[in-house]
N, C-alpha and C. Protein backbone atom coordinates (compact mmCIF):
# COMPACT_ATOMS: atom_id res chain seq x y z
N UNK A 1 -27.92 -1.76 -1.76
CA UNK A 1 -27.50 -0.29 -0.92
C UNK A 1 -28.48 0.54 -1.59
N UNK A 2 -28.68 1.74 -0.71
CA UNK A 2 -29.66 2.62 -1.18
C UNK A 2 -28.24 3.67 -1.26
N UNK A 3 -28.81 5.08 -2.21
CA UNK A 3 -27.96 5.95 -2.39
C UNK A 3 -27.24 6.66 -1.28
N UNK A 4 -28.43 6.59 0.18
CA UNK A 4 -28.15 7.60 1.07
C UNK A 4 -26.88 6.77 2.04
N UNK A 5 -26.87 5.45 1.77
CA UNK A 5 -25.96 4.58 2.93
C UNK A 5 -24.43 4.78 1.90
N UNK A 6 -24.54 4.38 0.79
CA UNK A 6 -23.46 4.85 -0.12
C UNK A 6 -23.09 6.50 0.58
N UNK A 7 -23.56 7.32 0.33
CA UNK A 7 -23.18 8.72 0.69
C UNK A 7 -22.32 8.65 2.02
N UNK A 8 -23.32 8.07 3.20
CA UNK A 8 -22.82 8.13 4.28
C UNK A 8 -21.20 7.50 4.39
N UNK A 9 -21.31 6.26 3.71
CA UNK A 9 -20.23 5.25 3.59
C UNK A 9 -19.20 6.00 3.31
N UNK A 10 -19.23 6.96 2.09
CA UNK A 10 -18.34 7.76 1.70
C UNK A 10 -17.75 8.62 2.65
N UNK A 11 -18.85 9.48 3.15
CA UNK A 11 -18.03 10.48 4.35
C UNK A 11 -17.35 9.63 5.62
N UNK A 12 -17.75 8.50 5.83
CA UNK A 12 -17.04 7.77 7.04
C UNK A 12 -15.51 7.55 6.11
N UNK A 13 -15.67 7.25 5.31
CA UNK A 13 -14.64 6.59 4.32
C UNK A 13 -13.11 8.10 4.56
N UNK A 14 -13.80 9.35 4.46
CA UNK A 14 -12.92 10.30 4.49
C UNK A 14 -12.49 10.70 5.67
N UNK A 15 -13.47 10.46 6.83
CA UNK A 15 -13.19 10.85 8.12
C UNK A 15 -12.27 9.99 8.50
N UNK A 16 -12.36 8.66 8.35
CA UNK A 16 -11.61 7.62 8.44
C UNK A 16 -9.97 8.06 7.76
N UNK A 17 -10.23 8.43 6.81
CA UNK A 17 -8.64 8.72 6.21
C UNK A 17 -7.93 10.12 7.25
N UNK A 18 -9.01 10.75 7.66
CA UNK A 18 -8.69 12.18 8.18
C UNK A 18 -8.21 11.47 9.71
N UNK A 19 -8.42 11.12 10.07
CA UNK A 19 -8.04 10.02 11.54
C UNK A 19 -6.98 9.46 11.34
N UNK A 20 -6.80 8.87 10.51
CA UNK A 20 -5.20 8.04 10.20
C UNK A 20 -4.43 9.23 10.10
N UNK A 21 -4.42 10.11 9.30
CA UNK A 21 -3.46 11.48 9.20
C UNK A 21 -3.26 11.92 10.33
N UNK A 22 -3.96 11.80 11.18
CA UNK A 22 -3.92 12.35 12.78
C UNK A 22 -2.91 11.55 13.58
N UNK A 23 -2.96 10.20 13.13
CA UNK A 23 -2.09 9.16 13.82
C UNK A 23 -3.45 8.77 14.71
N UNK A 24 -4.58 8.43 14.44
CA UNK A 24 -5.64 8.30 15.37
C UNK A 24 -6.12 6.81 14.64
N UNK A 25 -5.19 5.85 14.48
CA UNK A 25 -5.32 4.62 14.09
C UNK A 25 -6.72 3.63 14.34
N UNK A 26 -7.33 3.72 15.98
CA UNK A 26 -8.19 3.42 16.30
C UNK A 26 -9.58 3.67 16.02
N UNK A 27 -9.64 4.99 15.74
CA UNK A 27 -10.89 5.70 15.34
C UNK A 27 -10.99 5.60 13.81
N UNK A 28 -9.48 5.50 13.07
CA UNK A 28 -9.70 4.99 11.75
C UNK A 28 -10.55 3.85 11.57
N UNK A 29 -10.11 2.91 11.86
CA UNK A 29 -10.43 1.49 11.83
C UNK A 29 -11.97 1.43 12.18
N UNK A 30 -12.36 1.71 13.25
CA UNK A 30 -13.89 2.30 13.75
C UNK A 30 -14.73 2.77 12.36
N UNK A 31 -13.97 3.71 12.14
CA UNK A 31 -14.76 4.50 11.03
C UNK A 31 -15.01 3.71 9.88
N UNK A 32 -13.94 2.79 9.37
CA UNK A 32 -14.00 2.31 8.21
C UNK A 32 -15.01 0.87 8.60
N UNK A 33 -14.86 0.45 9.82
CA UNK A 33 -15.86 -0.70 9.58
C UNK A 33 -17.34 -0.18 9.85
N UNK A 34 -17.75 0.94 10.04
CA UNK A 34 -19.03 1.56 9.87
C UNK A 34 -19.67 1.38 8.68
N UNK A 35 -18.44 2.17 7.77
CA UNK A 35 -18.18 2.38 6.16
C UNK A 35 -18.77 0.66 5.43
N UNK A 36 -17.78 0.10 5.87
CA UNK A 36 -17.66 -1.18 5.27
C UNK A 36 -19.49 -1.82 5.46
N UNK A 37 -20.10 -1.79 6.87
CA UNK A 37 -21.49 -2.19 7.34
C UNK A 37 -22.36 -1.20 6.31
N UNK A 38 -22.38 -0.14 5.94
CA UNK A 38 -23.02 0.24 5.06
C UNK A 38 -22.79 -0.38 3.46
N UNK A 39 -21.62 -0.56 3.12
CA UNK A 39 -21.33 -0.79 1.68
C UNK A 39 -20.13 -1.63 1.86
N UNK A 40 -20.22 -2.77 1.85
CA UNK A 40 -19.82 -3.93 1.87
C UNK A 40 -19.06 -4.56 1.04
N UNK A 41 -19.37 -3.90 -0.37
CA UNK A 41 -19.01 -4.31 -1.92
C UNK A 41 -17.63 -3.54 -2.32
N UNK A 42 -17.45 -2.53 -1.87
CA UNK A 42 -16.48 -1.33 -1.96
C UNK A 42 -15.20 -1.70 -1.74
N UNK A 43 -14.41 -2.26 -2.79
CA UNK A 43 -12.89 -3.03 -2.28
C UNK A 43 -12.07 -2.17 -1.92
N UNK A 44 -12.08 -0.25 -2.09
CA UNK A 44 -11.29 0.45 -1.28
C UNK A 44 -11.46 0.80 -0.21
N UNK A 45 -12.55 0.02 0.54
CA UNK A 45 -12.71 0.46 1.62
C UNK A 45 -11.73 -0.83 2.42
N UNK A 46 -11.92 -1.89 2.10
CA UNK A 46 -11.33 -3.05 2.38
C UNK A 46 -9.76 -2.95 2.72
N UNK A 47 -9.42 -2.32 1.62
CA UNK A 47 -7.79 -1.86 1.13
C UNK A 47 -7.45 -0.96 2.38
N UNK A 48 -8.29 0.05 2.46
CA UNK A 48 -7.75 1.10 3.55
C UNK A 48 -7.93 0.50 4.67
N UNK A 49 -8.78 -0.14 5.17
CA UNK A 49 -9.10 -0.65 6.72
C UNK A 49 -7.93 -1.74 6.83
N UNK A 50 -7.30 -2.63 5.24
CA UNK A 50 -6.29 -3.38 5.80
C UNK A 50 -5.18 -2.67 6.04
N UNK A 51 -4.83 -1.47 5.55
CA UNK A 51 -3.50 -0.78 5.85
C UNK A 51 -3.40 -0.17 6.61
N UNK A 52 -4.59 0.53 7.20
CA UNK A 52 -4.74 0.78 8.75
C UNK A 52 -4.37 -0.29 9.67
N UNK A 53 -4.90 -1.60 9.44
CA UNK A 53 -4.42 -2.65 10.10
C UNK A 53 -2.94 -2.97 9.98
N UNK A 54 -2.14 -2.83 9.09
CA UNK A 54 -1.11 -2.90 8.38
C UNK A 54 -0.14 -2.00 9.40
N UNK A 55 -0.49 -0.73 9.35
CA UNK A 55 0.57 0.06 10.05
C UNK A 55 0.05 -0.13 11.60
N UNK A 56 -0.74 -1.05 12.02
CA UNK A 56 -0.97 -0.84 13.08
C UNK A 56 -0.18 -2.59 13.96
N UNK A 57 0.19 -3.01 12.90
CA UNK A 57 0.96 -4.31 12.97
C UNK A 57 -0.06 -5.57 13.41
N UNK A 58 -1.11 -5.53 12.77
CA UNK A 58 -2.10 -6.23 12.89
C UNK A 58 -1.98 -7.30 11.46
N UNK A 59 -0.81 -7.88 11.23
CA UNK A 59 -0.85 -8.41 10.04
C UNK A 59 -1.99 -9.72 9.48
N UNK A 60 -2.65 -10.16 10.58
CA UNK A 60 -3.76 -11.06 10.21
C UNK A 60 -5.05 -10.44 9.72
N UNK A 61 -5.35 -9.72 10.38
CA UNK A 61 -6.56 -8.31 9.77
C UNK A 61 -6.06 -7.80 8.57
N UNK A 62 -5.08 -7.28 8.67
CA UNK A 62 -4.62 -6.88 7.27
C UNK A 62 -4.45 -7.75 5.89
N UNK A 63 -4.29 -8.73 6.36
CA UNK A 63 -4.19 -9.89 5.13
C UNK A 63 -5.63 -10.30 4.76
N UNK A 64 -6.48 -10.16 5.91
CA UNK A 64 -7.78 -10.59 5.35
C UNK A 64 -8.54 -9.52 4.79
N UNK A 65 -8.04 -8.27 5.06
CA UNK A 65 -8.97 -7.27 4.38
C UNK A 65 -8.35 -6.93 2.75
N UNK A 66 -7.18 -7.16 2.81
CA UNK A 66 -6.30 -6.95 1.41
C UNK A 66 -6.96 -7.99 0.65
N UNK A 67 -7.42 -9.48 1.08
CA UNK A 67 -7.97 -10.41 0.21
C UNK A 67 -9.42 -9.87 -0.34
N UNK A 68 -10.07 -9.59 0.91
CA UNK A 68 -11.54 -9.23 0.67
C UNK A 68 -11.21 -7.93 -0.61
N UNK A 69 -10.60 -7.16 -0.30
CA UNK A 69 -10.40 -6.42 -1.32
C UNK A 69 -10.11 -6.74 -2.95
N UNK A 70 -9.18 -7.69 -2.93
CA UNK A 70 -8.81 -8.20 -4.09
C UNK A 70 -9.79 -9.24 -4.67
N UNK A 71 -10.67 -9.70 -3.71
CA UNK A 71 -12.04 -10.54 -4.23
C UNK A 71 -12.97 -9.88 -5.07
N UNK A 72 -12.99 -8.49 -4.67
CA UNK A 72 -13.83 -7.48 -5.46
C UNK A 72 -13.44 -7.07 -6.19
N UNK A 73 -12.06 -6.72 -6.22
CA UNK A 73 -11.14 -5.78 -7.65
C UNK A 73 -9.92 -6.32 -7.56
N UNK A 74 -9.57 -7.37 -8.13
CA UNK A 74 -8.47 -7.80 -8.30
C UNK A 74 -7.17 -6.73 -8.54
N UNK A 75 -7.34 -5.55 -9.15
CA UNK A 75 -6.78 -4.57 -9.59
C UNK A 75 -6.22 -3.58 -8.40
N UNK A 76 -7.02 -3.54 -7.55
CA UNK A 76 -6.96 -2.77 -6.28
C UNK A 76 -6.00 -2.23 -5.98
N UNK A 77 -5.43 -1.41 -6.12
CA UNK A 77 -4.02 -1.07 -5.82
C UNK A 77 -3.26 -1.12 -4.25
N UNK A 78 -3.86 -0.50 -3.42
CA UNK A 78 -3.39 -0.18 -2.14
C UNK A 78 -3.49 -1.61 -1.78
N UNK A 79 -4.31 -2.75 -1.86
CA UNK A 79 -4.77 -3.81 -1.38
C UNK A 79 -3.26 -4.89 -1.94
N UNK A 80 -3.09 -4.80 -3.33
CA UNK A 80 -2.03 -5.48 -4.03
C UNK A 80 -0.37 -4.82 -3.41
N UNK A 81 -0.51 -3.98 -2.94
CA UNK A 81 0.70 -3.14 -1.93
C UNK A 81 0.69 -3.74 -1.02
N UNK A 82 -0.49 -4.05 -0.15
CA UNK A 82 -0.20 -4.43 1.32
C UNK A 82 0.23 -5.80 1.38
N UNK A 83 -0.44 -6.73 0.34
CA UNK A 83 0.01 -8.05 -0.19
C UNK A 83 1.25 -7.98 -0.09
N UNK A 84 1.73 -7.19 -1.02
CA UNK A 84 3.07 -7.52 -1.45
C UNK A 84 4.10 -7.15 -0.12
N UNK A 85 4.00 -6.02 0.77
CA UNK A 85 4.41 -6.01 2.04
C UNK A 85 4.31 -6.67 3.02
N UNK A 86 3.34 -7.81 3.01
CA UNK A 86 3.05 -8.97 3.73
C UNK A 86 4.02 -9.98 3.55
N UNK A 87 4.16 -10.04 2.14
CA UNK A 87 4.90 -11.13 1.43
C UNK A 87 6.39 -10.81 1.36
N UNK A 88 6.92 -9.49 1.48
CA UNK A 88 8.15 -9.33 1.83
C UNK A 88 8.42 -9.64 3.19
N UNK A 89 7.92 -9.25 3.62
CA UNK A 89 8.18 -9.64 5.34
C UNK A 89 8.54 -11.00 5.38
N UNK A 90 7.60 -11.63 4.60
CA UNK A 90 7.76 -13.29 4.86
C UNK A 90 9.15 -13.65 4.15
N UNK A 91 9.39 -12.99 3.21
CA UNK A 91 10.46 -13.25 2.35
C UNK A 91 10.23 -14.12 1.57
N UNK A 92 9.15 -14.09 0.91
CA UNK A 92 8.21 -14.81 -0.18
C UNK A 92 8.72 -13.59 -1.46
N UNK A 93 9.92 -13.61 -1.78
CA UNK A 93 9.90 -12.56 -2.79
C UNK A 93 9.23 -12.39 -4.25
N UNK A 94 9.36 -13.80 -4.67
CA UNK A 94 8.35 -13.53 -5.77
C UNK A 94 7.03 -13.23 -5.84
N UNK A 95 6.34 -13.78 -4.95
CA UNK A 95 4.84 -13.21 -4.48
C UNK A 95 4.94 -11.82 -4.13
N UNK A 96 5.98 -11.22 -3.46
CA UNK A 96 6.03 -10.01 -3.00
C UNK A 96 6.28 -9.05 -4.17
N UNK A 97 6.98 -9.51 -5.08
CA UNK A 97 7.31 -8.83 -6.35
C UNK A 97 6.12 -8.79 -7.50
N UNK A 98 5.38 -9.98 -7.77
CA UNK A 98 3.97 -10.24 -8.20
C UNK A 98 3.00 -9.02 -7.31
N UNK A 99 2.83 -8.98 -6.51
CA UNK A 99 1.74 -7.96 -5.94
C UNK A 99 2.18 -6.60 -6.03
N UNK A 100 3.46 -6.30 -6.15
CA UNK A 100 4.15 -5.05 -6.25
C UNK A 100 3.99 -4.67 -7.58
N UNK A 101 4.08 -5.39 -8.44
CA UNK A 101 4.04 -5.14 -10.16
C UNK A 101 2.87 -4.67 -10.32
N UNK A 102 1.46 -5.78 -9.53
CA UNK A 102 -0.09 -4.69 -10.13
C UNK A 102 -0.04 -3.44 -9.35
N UNK A 103 0.35 -3.59 -7.89
CA UNK A 103 0.48 -2.30 -7.31
C UNK A 103 0.90 -1.21 -8.34
N UNK A 104 1.89 -0.94 -8.62
CA UNK A 104 2.70 -0.26 -9.66
C UNK A 104 2.00 0.13 -11.06
N UNK A 105 1.30 -1.06 -11.24
CA UNK A 105 0.92 -1.04 -12.78
C UNK A 105 -0.58 -0.23 -12.71
N UNK A 106 -1.33 -0.56 -11.31
CA UNK A 106 -2.16 0.32 -11.42
C UNK A 106 -1.92 1.83 -10.85
N UNK A 107 -1.40 2.05 -10.54
CA UNK A 107 -1.20 3.39 -10.13
C UNK A 107 0.68 3.91 -10.09
N UNK A 108 0.88 4.17 -11.53
CA UNK A 108 2.59 4.07 -11.35
C UNK A 108 3.08 5.44 -10.84
N UNK A 109 2.36 6.37 -10.30
CA UNK A 109 2.98 7.61 -10.16
C UNK A 109 3.25 7.39 -8.84
N UNK A 110 2.48 6.51 -7.98
CA UNK A 110 2.53 6.45 -6.32
C UNK A 110 4.54 6.16 -5.76
N UNK A 111 5.17 6.61 -5.42
CA UNK A 111 6.39 6.58 -5.07
C UNK A 111 6.52 4.96 -4.14
N UNK A 112 5.71 5.06 -3.40
CA UNK A 112 5.87 4.09 -2.12
C UNK A 112 5.09 2.82 -2.98
N UNK A 113 4.56 2.79 -4.42
CA UNK A 113 4.74 1.73 -4.82
C UNK A 113 5.90 1.19 -5.64
N UNK A 114 6.11 2.44 -6.15
CA UNK A 114 7.96 2.29 -7.07
C UNK A 114 8.66 1.77 -5.78
N UNK A 115 8.92 2.18 -4.68
CA UNK A 115 9.74 1.83 -3.77
C UNK A 115 9.72 0.59 -3.65
N UNK A 116 8.42 -0.08 -3.23
CA UNK A 116 8.34 -1.50 -3.10
C UNK A 116 8.68 -2.49 -3.90
N UNK A 117 8.26 -2.05 -5.04
CA UNK A 117 8.52 -2.55 -6.10
C UNK A 117 10.26 -2.81 -6.65
N UNK A 118 11.04 -1.64 -6.28
CA UNK A 118 12.30 -1.91 -6.19
C UNK A 118 12.72 -3.16 -5.25
N UNK A 119 12.44 -2.62 -4.19
CA UNK A 119 12.93 -3.74 -3.23
C UNK A 119 12.53 -5.31 -3.39
N UNK A 120 11.46 -5.56 -4.13
CA UNK A 120 11.31 -6.77 -4.73
C UNK A 120 12.28 -7.08 -5.80
N UNK A 121 12.56 -5.79 -6.77
CA UNK A 121 13.00 -6.58 -7.72
C UNK A 121 14.61 -6.82 -7.45
N UNK A 122 15.42 -5.99 -6.12
CA UNK A 122 16.32 -6.27 -5.69
C UNK A 122 16.63 -7.70 -5.15
N UNK A 123 15.36 -8.39 -4.36
CA UNK A 123 15.54 -9.68 -4.07
C UNK A 123 15.04 -10.67 -4.88
N UNK A 124 14.68 -10.32 -6.03
CA UNK A 124 14.48 -11.15 -7.38
C UNK A 124 15.33 -11.20 -8.27
N UNK A 125 16.60 -10.79 -8.21
CA UNK A 125 17.87 -10.55 -9.23
C UNK A 125 17.33 -9.94 -10.34
N UNK A 126 16.73 -8.55 -10.18
CA UNK A 126 16.14 -7.82 -11.05
C UNK A 126 17.12 -6.47 -10.67
N UNK A 127 18.13 -6.23 -10.50
CA UNK A 127 19.05 -5.51 -10.01
C UNK A 127 18.91 -3.99 -10.64
N UNK A 128 18.98 -4.32 -12.01
CA UNK A 128 19.18 -2.95 -12.80
C UNK A 128 17.52 -1.86 -12.83
N UNK A 129 16.65 -3.01 -12.78
CA UNK A 129 15.03 -2.33 -12.91
C UNK A 129 15.09 -1.74 -11.22
N UNK A 130 15.60 -2.58 -10.24
CA UNK A 130 15.65 -2.02 -8.84
C UNK A 130 16.16 -0.54 -8.53
N UNK A 131 17.21 -0.54 -9.81
CA UNK A 131 18.11 0.80 -9.79
C UNK A 131 17.07 1.97 -10.04
N UNK A 132 16.36 1.78 -11.16
CA UNK A 132 15.96 2.59 -12.06
C UNK A 132 14.61 2.75 -11.18
N UNK A 133 14.21 2.25 -10.48
CA UNK A 133 12.56 2.18 -10.00
C UNK A 133 12.59 3.18 -8.61
N UNK A 134 13.75 2.60 -7.91
CA UNK A 134 14.21 3.40 -6.84
C UNK A 134 14.80 4.53 -7.00
N UNK A 135 15.13 4.83 -8.07
CA UNK A 135 15.80 6.23 -8.44
C UNK A 135 14.71 7.03 -8.58
N UNK A 136 13.38 6.79 -9.31
CA UNK A 136 12.23 7.46 -9.86
C UNK A 136 11.63 7.64 -8.47
N UNK A 137 11.51 6.51 -7.58
CA UNK A 137 10.88 6.56 -6.49
C UNK A 137 11.39 7.32 -5.38
N UNK A 138 12.95 8.06 -5.43
CA UNK A 138 13.65 8.83 -4.52
C UNK A 138 13.41 10.01 -5.34
N UNK A 139 13.40 10.86 -6.46
CA UNK A 139 12.81 11.66 -7.09
C UNK A 139 11.41 12.28 -6.84
N UNK A 140 10.76 11.14 -6.78
CA UNK A 140 9.26 11.52 -6.52
C UNK A 140 8.96 12.10 -5.08
N UNK A 141 9.93 11.34 -4.08
CA UNK A 141 9.67 11.76 -2.51
C UNK A 141 10.30 13.25 -2.58
N UNK A 142 11.25 13.37 -3.58
CA UNK A 142 11.85 14.74 -3.25
C UNK A 142 11.01 15.90 -3.49
N UNK A 143 10.36 15.48 -4.92
CA UNK A 143 9.51 16.72 -5.47
C UNK A 143 8.31 17.09 -4.31
N UNK A 144 7.93 15.69 -3.40
CA UNK A 144 6.51 15.71 -2.58
C UNK A 144 7.13 16.19 -1.35
N UNK A 145 8.70 16.55 -1.43
CA UNK A 145 9.37 17.02 0.17
C UNK A 145 8.73 15.94 1.16
N UNK A 146 8.89 14.97 0.85
CA UNK A 146 8.96 13.84 1.71
C UNK A 146 10.66 13.31 2.04
N UNK A 147 11.46 14.23 3.16
CA UNK A 147 12.45 13.96 3.04
C UNK A 147 13.06 12.71 3.74
N UNK A 148 12.55 12.19 4.98
CA UNK A 148 12.92 10.99 5.55
C UNK A 148 12.68 9.84 4.05
N UNK A 149 11.53 10.06 3.48
CA UNK A 149 11.55 8.94 2.60
C UNK A 149 12.63 8.89 1.16
N UNK A 150 12.66 10.36 0.65
CA UNK A 150 14.10 10.34 -0.13
C UNK A 150 15.14 9.92 0.22
N UNK A 151 15.43 10.25 1.54
CA UNK A 151 17.04 9.70 2.29
C UNK A 151 16.68 8.36 2.47
N UNK A 152 15.71 7.48 2.82
CA UNK A 152 15.65 6.28 2.88
C UNK A 152 15.62 5.26 1.24
N UNK A 153 15.05 6.02 0.39
CA UNK A 153 15.07 5.43 -1.15
C UNK A 153 16.89 5.84 -1.62
N UNK A 154 17.44 6.93 -1.05
CA UNK A 154 18.92 6.90 -1.29
C UNK A 154 19.96 6.01 -0.71
N UNK A 155 19.29 5.75 0.65
CA UNK A 155 20.15 4.75 1.22
C UNK A 155 19.98 3.32 0.60
N UNK A 156 19.08 2.71 -0.04
CA UNK A 156 18.84 1.88 -1.23
C UNK A 156 19.47 1.95 -2.41
N UNK A 157 19.56 2.89 -2.84
CA UNK A 157 20.38 2.77 -3.87
C UNK A 157 21.97 2.87 -3.57
N UNK A 158 22.29 3.04 -2.65
CA UNK A 158 23.61 2.72 -2.18
C UNK A 158 24.27 1.16 -2.09
N UNK A 159 22.90 1.03 -1.76
CA UNK A 159 23.10 -0.77 -1.05
C UNK A 159 23.07 -1.18 -2.40
N UNK A 160 22.07 -1.12 -3.43
CA UNK A 160 21.99 -1.85 -4.73
C UNK A 160 23.23 -1.53 -5.62
N UNK A 161 23.89 -0.84 -4.99
CA UNK A 161 25.16 -0.45 -6.04
C UNK A 161 26.14 -1.29 -5.09
N UNK A 162 26.07 -1.34 -4.22
CA UNK A 162 27.33 -2.60 -3.72
C UNK A 162 26.87 -4.11 -3.62
N UNK A 163 25.73 -3.91 -4.22
CA UNK A 163 25.22 -5.58 -4.61
C UNK A 163 25.44 -5.82 -6.01
N UNK A 164 25.67 -4.71 -6.89
CA UNK A 164 26.05 -5.23 -7.88
C UNK A 164 25.51 -4.45 -9.20
């Protein structure tokens, strides 16, 4: 891959993220397709496109991209997070937990990774850890002024208390 191709791929990646933030998922996916054509060895590109597919409810394509990302980098945080979400939806709690733990270990400051980890911990009988991680996620969402997610985390904390 030439330096110019990587630069162009990185530019497309940035534009894909911007499109996704504007809720233009198809445009985001198209830009990631072009970025991957230019730099098909970048795990982060596959993970991002996989996340776009996940948000677009195309689980088969999301999983394929997460797998591609993890083949390139087993520690790619977003790909591990995505695999956890998919496993959680399938009620494969131990698998979901393992992927969530890897995502969180790679980027422990991300509240969505803590949130996912807490959900998986609750389903795998790690309730005290689930409470602690969800409380940390709630506080992080509050600091980031993400009221919707802070409220969801609080709702789960109430549920975890009810569970034991």
